[in-house]
Amino acid sequence: MTNERLKLPENVESIDLWFVDLLGTHRSLTVSKKVFIKGLEEGYIPKLDGSSVYGFANVEFSDMKLQPDISTFRVVEDKAIVYCNVLDASGKPLIYDPRSIAFSVESKVSDEGFQSVWGPEVEFFIFERVSISYQQPWLQHVEISSPELTPRNSRHYRADKSLYCMASPVDSVLDFRYNLVKELKKYGINVECHHHEVARGGQVEVNVEMTNLVGAGDSVIKLKFVSKNLAYKMNLQATFMPKPLYGENGSGMHIHQSLWRNGENLFYDPNDEYAGLSQLARYYIGGLLEHGKALSAIVAPTVNSYKRLVPGYEAPVYLVWSVGNRTAAVRVPVYGGNNSKRVEFRPPDPSANPYLALVAILAAGIDGIKKSIDPGDPVDENVYLMSEAKKRSLGIKELPRDLKEALDELRSDMEFLKGFIPKEVLEKYIELKEEEWRKVSYTVSPIEYIYYLNI
């Protein structure tokens, strides 16, 4: 492949090679134009130290290669970017590379006669300033500045009212979102809609076009990258932390999905009076609910995730399904017809590795289809307000209450992921996440001083 074929402008002197580690951290390595062109001729760029990347390799086996996915190559103003898959020293796909896993799964599902379509809805916060000071190694003070959190500000709105879809000037981040849409378009991401979300503090939701599995993962990585960098340029801070503010809604990453075959939406059935949903789609939902607890460790993968997953705040705590019910883990949107029929899985949040999350969700759904797992009757009432006795009588299960419980559930329910995510990858993932859980859980937090200093 030549420089001319790639259409590299003269002012582009280097290329950013993007990849993602096992925990979902976006990483970038920059090479010169000359090295990049030579790498394309050889099929890889041998420049990566895998021992310094979460979950990739130990120091004694650390030499790795990056294989550019030329279909993702893009020039943005005076720089170029390209997504890469990671190869081991022998030139084989690294089993711990989440993007390579997503590629192999997409091919596997295609061989089984399915094409999967995905549409992430990503929520996050925009703050004016987040200041963290450490008086002692175990004691920290966090100060968050936002016009919507300051009563004196003219844009303040009643604290007991939702800011969902509020107009400016109450919506303090409208200008940011307009600029974000323009920036994302430069990176090849088309935004279908965006709005202020429920929480104060500048909570944003951005919906991107539905696409295939790998493309949806790429879109999430680009969205987070562009949002963070745009916020920095505007003297703001974007955070995809699931629950940054106590008493406010957290940020989710609801995943819309459907399965297709030869241009036909397999989730749609015009004869189904309840939801226009096919039996295959119901089995798919059955898989999501059956494996929902284990999925939590991958789709809600931080200690902070479980401060979002509490009753109220539109958080999907209960493993039930319904049409339009936002207290259910699986929601079937009521709008749209044949081409729009899909299911929405609501437990994920934007701290998840998007490639692993989508692969794990798909694995659960496919398992439901293969085993004809009945999702049970839909629950069309507010589960938050339901009595414990009624929930028990209906057999309603809850998501794990913390990350440790979720990891235990994943360890005991991994079989459905066989053929999708290698066992070695899951074991490494659990090891890294358990270490994270220990460090965060065992660290003394500021609120403990408020409660316990004078006891």
Protein backbone atom coordinates (compact mmCIF):
# COMPACT_ATOMS: atom_id res chain seq x y z
CA MET A 1 0.00 0.00 0.00
CA THR A 2 1.48 3.34 -1.03
CA ASN A 3 1.54 6.83 0.42
CA GLU A 4 -0.52 8.03 -2.57
CA ARG A 5 -3.20 5.36 -2.05
CA LEU A 6 -3.54 6.38 1.58
CA LYS A 7 -3.82 10.03 0.52
CA LEU A 8 -1.51 11.28 3.25
CA PRO A 9 -1.35 15.08 3.07
CA GLU A 10 2.09 16.61 3.01
CA ASN A 11 1.52 18.32 6.36
CA VAL A 12 0.90 14.97 8.11
CA GLU A 13 4.31 13.86 9.33
CA SER A 14 3.24 11.20 11.84
CA ILE A 15 0.45 8.71 12.53
CA ASP A 16 -1.16 7.88 15.85
CA LEU A 17 -1.61 4.12 16.25
CA TRP A 18 -4.60 3.47 18.54
CA PHE A 19 -5.22 0.31 20.55
CA VAL A 20 -7.00 -0.65 23.75
CA ASP A 21 -5.72 -2.71 26.67
CA LEU A 22 -7.59 -5.49 28.47
CA LEU A 23 -9.27 -3.09 30.90
CA GLY A 24 -10.42 -0.76 28.12
CA THR A 25 -7.81 1.99 28.49
CA HIS A 26 -7.30 3.85 25.22
CA ARG A 27 -3.60 3.92 24.27
CA SER A 28 -1.73 5.57 21.42
CA LEU A 29 1.73 5.15 19.89
CA THR A 30 2.97 7.70 17.35
CA VAL A 31 5.25 6.75 14.46
CA SER A 32 6.69 8.71 11.58
CA LYS A 33 5.18 8.57 8.11
CA LYS A 34 8.21 6.59 6.91
CA VAL A 35 7.89 3.96 9.64
CA PHE A 36 4.16 3.69 9.03
CA ILE A 37 4.48 3.09 5.28
CA LYS A 38 7.23 0.52 5.86
CA GLY A 39 5.04 -1.17 8.47
CA LEU A 40 2.17 -1.47 6.00
CA GLU A 41 4.47 -3.19 3.52
CA GLU A 42 5.58 -5.68 6.19
CA GLY A 43 2.10 -6.12 7.68
CA TYR A 44 2.89 -4.81 11.16
CA ILE A 45 4.81 -2.20 13.13
CA PRO A 46 7.16 -3.80 15.72
CA LYS A 47 7.20 -1.03 18.32
CA LEU A 48 5.13 -2.18 21.33
CA ASP A 49 6.26 -3.14 24.85
CA GLY A 50 3.41 -5.36 25.99
CA SER A 51 4.67 -5.62 29.58
CA SER A 52 3.71 -1.98 30.19
CA VAL A 53 0.09 -2.52 29.08
CA TYR A 54 -2.61 -3.81 31.44
CA GLY A 55 -3.10 -7.53 30.90
CA PHE A 56 -0.94 -7.98 27.80
CA ALA A 57 2.33 -9.65 28.86
CA ASN A 58 5.04 -10.14 31.45
CA VAL A 59 8.47 -8.51 31.04
CA GLU A 60 10.10 -11.72 29.81
CA PHE A 61 7.71 -11.95 26.83
CA SER A 62 6.99 -8.31 26.09
CA ASP A 63 7.85 -7.64 22.43
CA MET A 64 4.68 -7.11 20.41
CA LYS A 65 3.55 -5.67 17.11
CA LEU A 66 0.74 -3.40 16.00
CA GLN A 67 -1.23 -4.30 12.88
CA PRO A 68 -3.01 -1.22 11.45
CA ASP A 69 -6.62 -1.70 10.36
CA ILE A 70 -6.47 0.44 7.23
CA SER A 71 -10.26 0.59 6.99
CA THR A 72 -10.14 2.88 10.05
CA PHE A 73 -7.38 5.19 8.75
CA ARG A 74 -8.42 8.82 8.98
CA VAL A 75 -6.75 12.19 8.59
CA VAL A 76 -8.00 14.82 11.03
CA GLU A 77 -6.61 18.25 10.22
CA ASP A 78 -2.82 17.94 10.61
CA LYS A 79 -2.69 14.43 12.08
CA ALA A 80 -3.66 10.91 11.12
CA ILE A 81 -5.05 8.09 13.26
CA VAL A 82 -5.63 4.40 12.71
CA TYR A 83 -6.93 1.61 14.95
CA CYS A 84 -4.64 -1.36 15.38
CA ASN A 85 -4.93 -4.96 16.41
CA VAL A 86 -2.13 -6.33 18.55
CA LEU A 87 0.09 -9.24 17.48
CA ASP A 88 2.43 -11.29 19.66
CA ALA A 89 6.11 -11.76 18.82
CA SER A 90 5.30 -14.59 16.40
CA GLY A 91 2.87 -12.42 14.46
CA LYS A 92 -0.31 -14.11 15.69
CA PRO A 93 -3.22 -12.09 17.15
CA LEU A 94 -2.60 -11.52 20.85
CA ILE A 95 -5.31 -13.40 22.78
CA TYR A 96 -5.50 -10.56 25.34
CA ASP A 97 -6.19 -7.87 22.72
CA PRO A 98 -9.90 -6.98 23.08
CA ARG A 99 -10.24 -5.59 19.55
CA SER A 100 -8.83 -8.80 18.07
CA ILE A 101 -11.31 -10.75 20.19
CA ALA A 102 -14.15 -8.61 18.82
CA PHE A 103 -12.98 -9.23 15.25
CA SER A 104 -12.87 -13.00 15.73
CA VAL A 105 -16.31 -13.04 17.37
CA GLU A 106 -17.84 -11.00 14.56
CA SER A 107 -16.47 -13.54 12.09
CA LYS A 108 -17.69 -16.47 14.21
CA VAL A 109 -21.23 -15.11 14.46
CA SER A 110 -21.26 -14.36 10.74
CA ASP A 111 -20.33 -17.99 10.04
CA GLU A 112 -23.38 -18.99 12.11
CA GLY A 113 -25.59 -16.89 9.84
CA PHE A 114 -26.02 -13.77 12.00
CA GLN A 115 -25.02 -10.12 11.61
CA SER A 116 -25.18 -8.14 14.82
CA VAL A 117 -26.04 -4.43 14.90
CA TRP A 118 -25.18 -2.20 17.86
CA GLY A 119 -25.99 1.30 19.05
CA PRO A 120 -24.38 2.53 22.30
CA GLU A 121 -25.98 5.42 24.18
CA VAL A 122 -23.13 6.97 26.14
CA GLU A 123 -23.74 9.19 29.17
CA PHE A 124 -21.06 11.26 30.91
CA PHE A 125 -20.52 14.43 32.92
CA ILE A 126 -18.90 17.73 32.00
CA PHE A 127 -17.48 19.65 34.96
CA GLU A 128 -15.83 23.06 35.11
CA ARG A 129 -13.18 21.78 37.47
CA VAL A 130 -12.36 18.71 39.55
CA SER A 131 -9.72 19.28 42.21
CA ILE A 132 -8.29 16.41 44.25
CA SER A 133 -5.98 17.18 47.15
CA TYR A 134 -4.24 14.68 49.41
CA GLN A 135 -3.55 15.70 53.02
CA GLN A 136 -2.34 12.20 53.79
CA PRO A 137 -1.88 9.13 51.55
CA TRP A 138 -5.13 7.71 52.91
CA LEU A 139 -7.16 10.93 53.05
CA GLN A 140 -8.25 12.90 50.03
CA HIS A 141 -10.52 15.86 49.41
CA VAL A 142 -12.43 16.18 46.15
CA GLU A 143 -13.98 19.45 45.01
CA ILE A 144 -16.20 19.56 41.93
CA SER A 145 -17.13 22.84 40.25
CA SER A 146 -20.14 23.09 37.95
CA PRO A 147 -22.57 25.97 37.31
CA GLU A 148 -25.52 23.59 37.72
CA LEU A 149 -24.34 22.67 41.21
CA THR A 150 -24.03 26.28 42.36
CA PRO A 151 -27.33 27.80 43.61
CA ARG A 152 -26.09 31.35 43.07
CA ASN A 153 -25.63 30.77 39.36
CA SER A 154 -28.38 32.09 37.07
CA ARG A 155 -28.55 28.71 35.33
CA HIS A 156 -29.43 26.87 38.51
CA TYR A 157 -32.66 24.91 38.37
CA ARG A 158 -34.85 23.46 41.11
CA ALA A 159 -32.92 20.66 42.77
CA ASP A 160 -36.00 18.43 42.91
CA LYS A 161 -36.51 18.54 39.15
CA SER A 162 -34.84 16.54 36.42
CA LEU A 163 -32.61 18.37 33.94
CA TYR A 164 -33.48 15.85 31.22
CA CYS A 165 -33.68 17.62 27.84
CA MET A 166 -33.66 21.08 29.43
CA ALA A 167 -32.97 23.96 27.07
CA SER A 168 -30.34 26.65 27.53
CA PRO A 169 -29.48 28.57 29.61
CA VAL A 170 -30.41 25.89 32.20
CA ASP A 171 -28.50 23.42 30.03
CA SER A 172 -24.98 24.69 30.72
CA VAL A 173 -23.22 22.30 28.31
CA LEU A 174 -25.14 22.91 25.08
CA ASP A 175 -22.20 24.69 23.43
CA PHE A 176 -19.94 21.80 24.38
CA ARG A 177 -22.30 19.31 22.74
CA TYR A 178 -22.59 21.35 19.53
CA ASN A 179 -18.81 21.49 19.29
CA LEU A 180 -18.58 17.79 20.12
CA VAL A 181 -20.84 16.84 17.21
CA LYS A 182 -18.66 18.85 14.82
CA GLU A 183 -15.46 17.28 16.15
CA LEU A 184 -16.85 13.74 16.04
CA LYS A 185 -17.81 14.19 12.39
CA LYS A 186 -14.15 14.89 11.60
CA TYR A 187 -13.38 11.47 13.08
CA GLY A 188 -16.09 9.77 11.04
CA ILE A 189 -18.68 9.50 13.83
CA ASN A 190 -22.23 10.64 13.04
CA VAL A 191 -24.32 11.60 16.06
CA GLU A 192 -28.02 10.74 15.82
CA CYS A 193 -29.03 12.83 18.82
CA HIS A 194 -27.67 14.43 21.97
CA HIS A 195 -29.20 16.11 25.00
CA HIS A 196 -28.74 17.01 28.63
CA GLU A 197 -29.40 14.02 30.86
CA VAL A 198 -31.27 13.89 34.18
CA ALA A 199 -28.50 14.81 36.61
CA ARG A 200 -27.23 18.25 37.48
CA GLY A 201 -23.55 18.88 36.95
CA GLY A 202 -23.65 18.92 33.16
CA GLN A 203 -24.66 15.32 32.43
CA VAL A 204 -24.64 14.53 28.71
CA GLU A 205 -26.03 11.73 26.54
CA VAL A 206 -24.75 11.15 23.03
CA ASN A 207 -26.24 8.55 20.67
CA VAL A 208 -24.18 7.47 17.67
CA GLU A 209 -25.29 5.64 14.54
CA MET A 210 -25.84 1.90 14.84
CA THR A 211 -23.13 -0.23 13.26
CA ASN A 212 -21.39 -3.59 13.55
CA LEU A 213 -19.72 -4.91 16.70
CA VAL A 214 -16.15 -3.75 16.07
CA GLY A 215 -17.38 -0.43 14.67
CA ALA A 216 -19.49 0.21 17.78
CA GLY A 217 -16.48 -0.44 20.01
CA ASP A 218 -14.41 1.92 17.88
CA SER A 219 -17.14 4.56 18.13
CA VAL A 220 -17.13 4.47 21.93
CA ILE A 221 -13.34 4.85 22.05
CA LYS A 222 -13.48 7.81 19.66
CA LEU A 223 -16.35 9.42 21.55
CA LYS A 224 -14.46 9.27 24.83
CA PHE A 225 -11.22 10.50 23.25
CA VAL A 226 -12.80 13.44 21.43
CA SER A 227 -14.97 14.41 24.43
CA LYS A 228 -12.02 14.50 26.82
CA ASN A 229 -9.82 16.48 24.47
CA LEU A 230 -12.54 18.95 23.51
CA ALA A 231 -13.38 19.51 27.18
CA TYR A 232 -9.70 20.15 27.91
CA LYS A 233 -9.54 22.77 25.15
CA MET A 234 -12.64 24.46 26.59
CA ASN A 235 -11.18 24.49 30.13
CA LEU A 236 -13.65 21.81 31.20
CA GLN A 237 -13.31 18.19 32.23
CA ALA A 238 -15.22 15.23 30.81
CA THR A 239 -15.58 12.20 33.05
CA PHE A 240 -17.00 8.79 32.19
CA MET A 241 -16.95 7.76 35.85
CA PRO A 242 -20.28 5.96 36.40
CA LYS A 243 -21.32 7.79 39.61
CA PRO A 244 -19.38 10.98 40.32
CA LEU A 245 -22.11 12.73 42.33
CA TYR A 246 -23.94 11.40 45.37
CA GLY A 247 -27.71 11.84 45.14
CA GLU A 248 -27.71 12.33 41.35
CA ASN A 249 -28.27 9.87 38.51
CA GLY A 250 -25.18 8.04 37.38
CA SER A 251 -23.95 7.59 33.81
CA GLY A 252 -24.86 4.47 31.89
CA MET A 253 -23.95 3.13 28.48
CA HIS A 254 -27.19 1.52 27.33
CA ILE A 255 -26.59 -0.91 24.49
CA HIS A 256 -29.18 -1.23 21.71
CA GLN A 257 -28.78 -4.42 19.69
CA SER A 258 -30.40 -6.66 17.11
CA LEU A 259 -29.55 -9.69 14.98
CA TRP A 260 -30.02 -9.77 11.23
CA ARG A 261 -29.75 -12.32 8.40
CA ASN A 262 -29.67 -11.42 4.70
CA GLY A 263 -31.11 -7.98 5.34
CA GLU A 264 -33.91 -9.25 7.60
CA ASN A 265 -34.25 -8.09 11.20
CA LEU A 266 -34.58 -11.35 13.14
CA PHE A 267 -35.87 -9.57 16.25
CA TYR A 268 -39.05 -8.34 14.56
CA ASP A 269 -42.36 -10.17 14.43
CA PRO A 270 -45.41 -8.14 13.29
CA ASN A 271 -47.73 -10.78 14.76
CA ASP A 272 -46.48 -10.29 18.33
CA GLU A 273 -49.05 -8.03 19.95
CA TYR A 274 -47.01 -7.18 23.05
CA ALA A 275 -43.77 -5.85 21.62
CA GLY A 276 -43.51 -6.78 17.94
CA LEU A 277 -40.76 -9.11 19.10
CA SER A 278 -39.82 -12.47 17.59
CA GLN A 279 -39.39 -15.69 19.58
CA LEU A 280 -35.68 -15.62 18.70
CA ALA A 281 -35.43 -12.17 20.30
CA ARG A 282 -37.18 -13.46 23.44
CA TYR A 283 -34.66 -16.28 23.72
CA TYR A 284 -31.89 -13.71 23.25
CA ILE A 285 -33.35 -11.70 26.14
CA GLY A 286 -33.52 -14.92 28.15
CA GLY A 287 -29.76 -15.29 27.73
CA LEU A 288 -29.14 -11.72 28.87
CA LEU A 289 -31.21 -12.25 32.02
CA GLU A 290 -29.81 -15.73 32.72
CA HIS A 291 -26.23 -14.47 32.60
CA GLY A 292 -26.90 -10.93 33.80
CA LYS A 293 -25.03 -11.33 37.08
CA ALA A 294 -21.88 -12.64 35.40
CA LEU A 295 -22.12 -10.00 32.67
CA SER A 296 -22.00 -7.30 35.35
CA ALA A 297 -18.31 -7.92 35.96
CA ILE A 298 -17.58 -6.96 32.34
CA VAL A 299 -20.22 -4.32 31.57
CA ALA A 300 -20.09 -2.58 34.99
CA PRO A 301 -16.44 -3.21 35.82
CA THR A 302 -15.49 -0.70 38.53
CA VAL A 303 -16.11 -0.31 42.25
CA ASN A 304 -17.84 2.97 41.40
CA SER A 305 -20.18 1.18 38.95
CA TYR A 306 -22.13 -0.30 41.86
CA LYS A 307 -22.79 3.13 43.34
CA ARG A 308 -24.78 3.75 40.16
CA LEU A 309 -26.56 0.38 40.26
CA VAL A 310 -28.82 1.11 43.21
CA PRO A 311 -32.64 1.36 43.29
CA GLY A 312 -33.91 4.67 41.95
CA TYR A 313 -32.03 7.02 39.63
CA GLU A 314 -33.31 4.99 36.61
CA ALA A 315 -30.61 2.39 37.38
CA PRO A 316 -31.42 -1.13 36.13
CA VAL A 317 -31.01 -3.18 39.31
CA TYR A 318 -33.46 -5.98 38.51
CA LEU A 319 -33.05 -8.77 35.96
CA VAL A 320 -36.42 -8.45 34.25
CA TRP A 321 -37.55 -7.32 30.81
CA SER A 322 -40.33 -5.09 29.58
CA VAL A 323 -41.48 -2.66 26.93
CA GLY A 324 -40.43 0.88 27.78
CA ASN A 325 -39.79 0.14 31.48
CA ARG A 326 -36.62 1.85 32.66
CA THR A 327 -36.51 -0.11 35.93
CA ALA A 328 -35.85 -3.28 33.91
CA ALA A 329 -32.41 -4.54 32.88
CA VAL A 330 -33.71 -5.26 29.39
CA ARG A 331 -36.04 -2.77 27.72
CA VAL A 332 -37.74 -3.12 24.35
CA PRO A 333 -38.15 0.37 22.86
CA VAL A 334 -41.69 0.98 21.64
CA TYR A 335 -40.77 3.30 18.78
CA GLY A 336 -39.93 2.13 15.29
CA GLY A 337 -41.05 -0.74 13.09
CA ASN A 338 -39.33 -3.61 11.34
CA ASN A 339 -35.88 -2.11 10.82
CA SER A 340 -35.85 -0.41 14.21
CA LYS A 341 -36.93 -3.36 16.38
CA ARG A 342 -34.22 -4.05 18.94
CA VAL A 343 -33.58 -4.69 22.60
CA GLU A 344 -31.76 -2.36 24.97
CA PHE A 345 -29.47 -3.78 27.68
CA ARG A 346 -29.23 -1.15 30.42
CA PRO A 347 -26.71 -2.32 33.07
CA PRO A 348 -23.52 -1.31 31.16
CA ASP A 349 -21.73 1.92 31.97
CA PRO A 350 -19.02 3.87 30.09
CA SER A 351 -16.18 2.59 32.29
CA ALA A 352 -16.47 -0.77 30.48
CA ASN A 353 -14.09 -1.98 27.80
CA PRO A 354 -16.53 -1.60 24.88
CA TYR A 355 -15.13 -4.49 22.85
CA LEU A 356 -15.29 -7.00 25.72
CA ALA A 357 -18.68 -5.69 26.84
CA LEU A 358 -20.29 -6.11 23.42
CA VAL A 359 -18.72 -9.54 22.93
CA ALA A 360 -19.93 -10.74 26.34
CA ILE A 361 -23.46 -9.39 25.77
CA LEU A 362 -23.61 -11.09 22.37
CA ALA A 363 -22.36 -14.36 23.87
CA ALA A 364 -25.12 -14.29 26.49
CA GLY A 365 -27.79 -13.58 23.87
CA ILE A 366 -26.56 -16.30 21.51
CA ASP A 367 -26.49 -18.75 24.43
CA GLY A 368 -30.12 -17.86 25.11
CA ILE A 369 -31.01 -18.64 21.49
CA LYS A 370 -29.11 -21.94 21.42
CA LYS A 371 -30.65 -23.12 24.69
CA SER A 372 -34.12 -21.60 24.07
CA ILE A 373 -33.97 -19.78 27.41
CA ASP A 374 -37.39 -18.39 28.31
CA PRO A 375 -37.09 -14.84 29.70
CA GLY A 376 -40.34 -15.22 31.62
CA ASP A 377 -43.23 -12.80 31.52
CA PRO A 378 -42.43 -9.10 31.06
CA VAL A 379 -42.70 -6.87 34.12
CA ASP A 380 -44.52 -3.67 33.25
CA GLU A 381 -44.58 -1.99 36.65
CA ASN A 382 -42.02 0.03 38.59
CA VAL A 383 -39.91 -2.68 40.25
CA TYR A 384 -38.42 -0.11 42.65
CA LEU A 385 -41.84 0.26 44.26
CA MET A 386 -42.65 -3.44 44.30
CA SER A 387 -42.76 -5.21 47.70
CA GLU A 388 -40.03 -7.70 48.54
CA ALA A 389 -42.68 -10.40 48.87
CA LYS A 390 -43.96 -9.74 45.35
CA LYS A 391 -40.45 -9.72 43.89
CA ARG A 392 -39.77 -13.08 45.54
CA SER A 393 -43.05 -14.51 44.26
CA LEU A 394 -42.13 -13.45 40.72
CA GLY A 395 -38.61 -14.83 41.08
CA ILE A 396 -37.02 -11.47 40.29
CA LYS A 397 -33.25 -11.53 40.63
CA GLU A 398 -31.02 -8.54 41.35
CA LEU A 399 -27.69 -7.56 39.87
CA PRO A 400 -24.63 -7.95 42.13
CA ARG A 401 -24.26 -5.34 44.85
CA ASP A 402 -20.54 -4.74 44.35
CA LEU A 403 -17.67 -5.55 42.02
CA LYS A 404 -16.37 -8.45 44.13
CA GLU A 405 -19.75 -10.20 43.98
CA ALA A 406 -19.89 -9.60 40.22
CA LEU A 407 -16.43 -11.12 39.74
CA ASP A 408 -17.46 -14.16 41.80
CA GLU A 409 -20.53 -14.53 39.58
CA LEU A 410 -18.35 -14.36 36.46
CA ARG A 411 -15.98 -16.96 37.85
CA SER A 412 -18.87 -19.36 38.46
CA ASP A 413 -20.69 -18.61 35.18
CA MET A 414 -18.15 -18.51 32.35
CA GLU A 415 -19.26 -21.38 30.19
CA PHE A 416 -21.51 -19.21 28.00
CA LEU A 417 -18.42 -17.19 27.02
CA LYS A 418 -16.60 -20.24 25.66
CA GLY A 419 -15.74 -19.63 22.01
CA PHE A 420 -16.16 -15.87 22.50
CA ILE A 421 -13.60 -14.84 25.12
CA PRO A 422 -10.69 -17.23 25.87
CA LYS A 423 -10.59 -18.62 29.40
CA GLU A 424 -7.06 -17.25 29.91
CA VAL A 425 -8.34 -13.77 29.10
CA LEU A 426 -11.19 -14.05 31.60
CA GLU A 427 -8.85 -15.30 34.31
CA LYS A 428 -6.40 -12.45 33.68
CA TYR A 429 -9.28 -9.96 33.64
CA ILE A 430 -10.64 -11.24 36.96
CA GLU A 431 -7.15 -11.11 38.48
CA LEU A 432 -6.66 -7.47 37.46
CA LYS A 433 -10.15 -6.45 38.60
CA GLU A 434 -9.85 -8.19 41.97
CA GLU A 435 -6.62 -6.30 42.59
CA GLU A 436 -8.42 -3.06 41.67
CA TRP A 437 -11.30 -3.95 44.02
CA ARG A 438 -8.89 -4.58 46.90
CA LYS A 439 -7.03 -1.31 46.44
CA VAL A 440 -10.16 0.83 46.14
CA SER A 441 -12.18 -0.97 48.81
CA TYR A 442 -9.41 -1.02 51.40
CA THR A 443 -8.51 2.66 50.98
CA VAL A 444 -9.95 4.94 53.67
CA SER A 445 -12.35 7.47 52.12
CA PRO A 446 -13.18 11.03 53.28
CA ILE A 447 -16.71 10.16 54.36
CA GLU A 448 -15.37 7.63 56.85
CA TYR A 449 -13.77 10.51 58.76
CA ILE A 450 -17.15 12.28 58.89
CA TYR A 451 -18.85 9.19 60.30
CA TYR A 452 -16.16 7.66 62.44
CA LEU A 453 -13.48 10.17 63.49
CA ASN A 454 -15.21 11.03 66.77
CA ILE A 455 -16.72 7.72 67.74
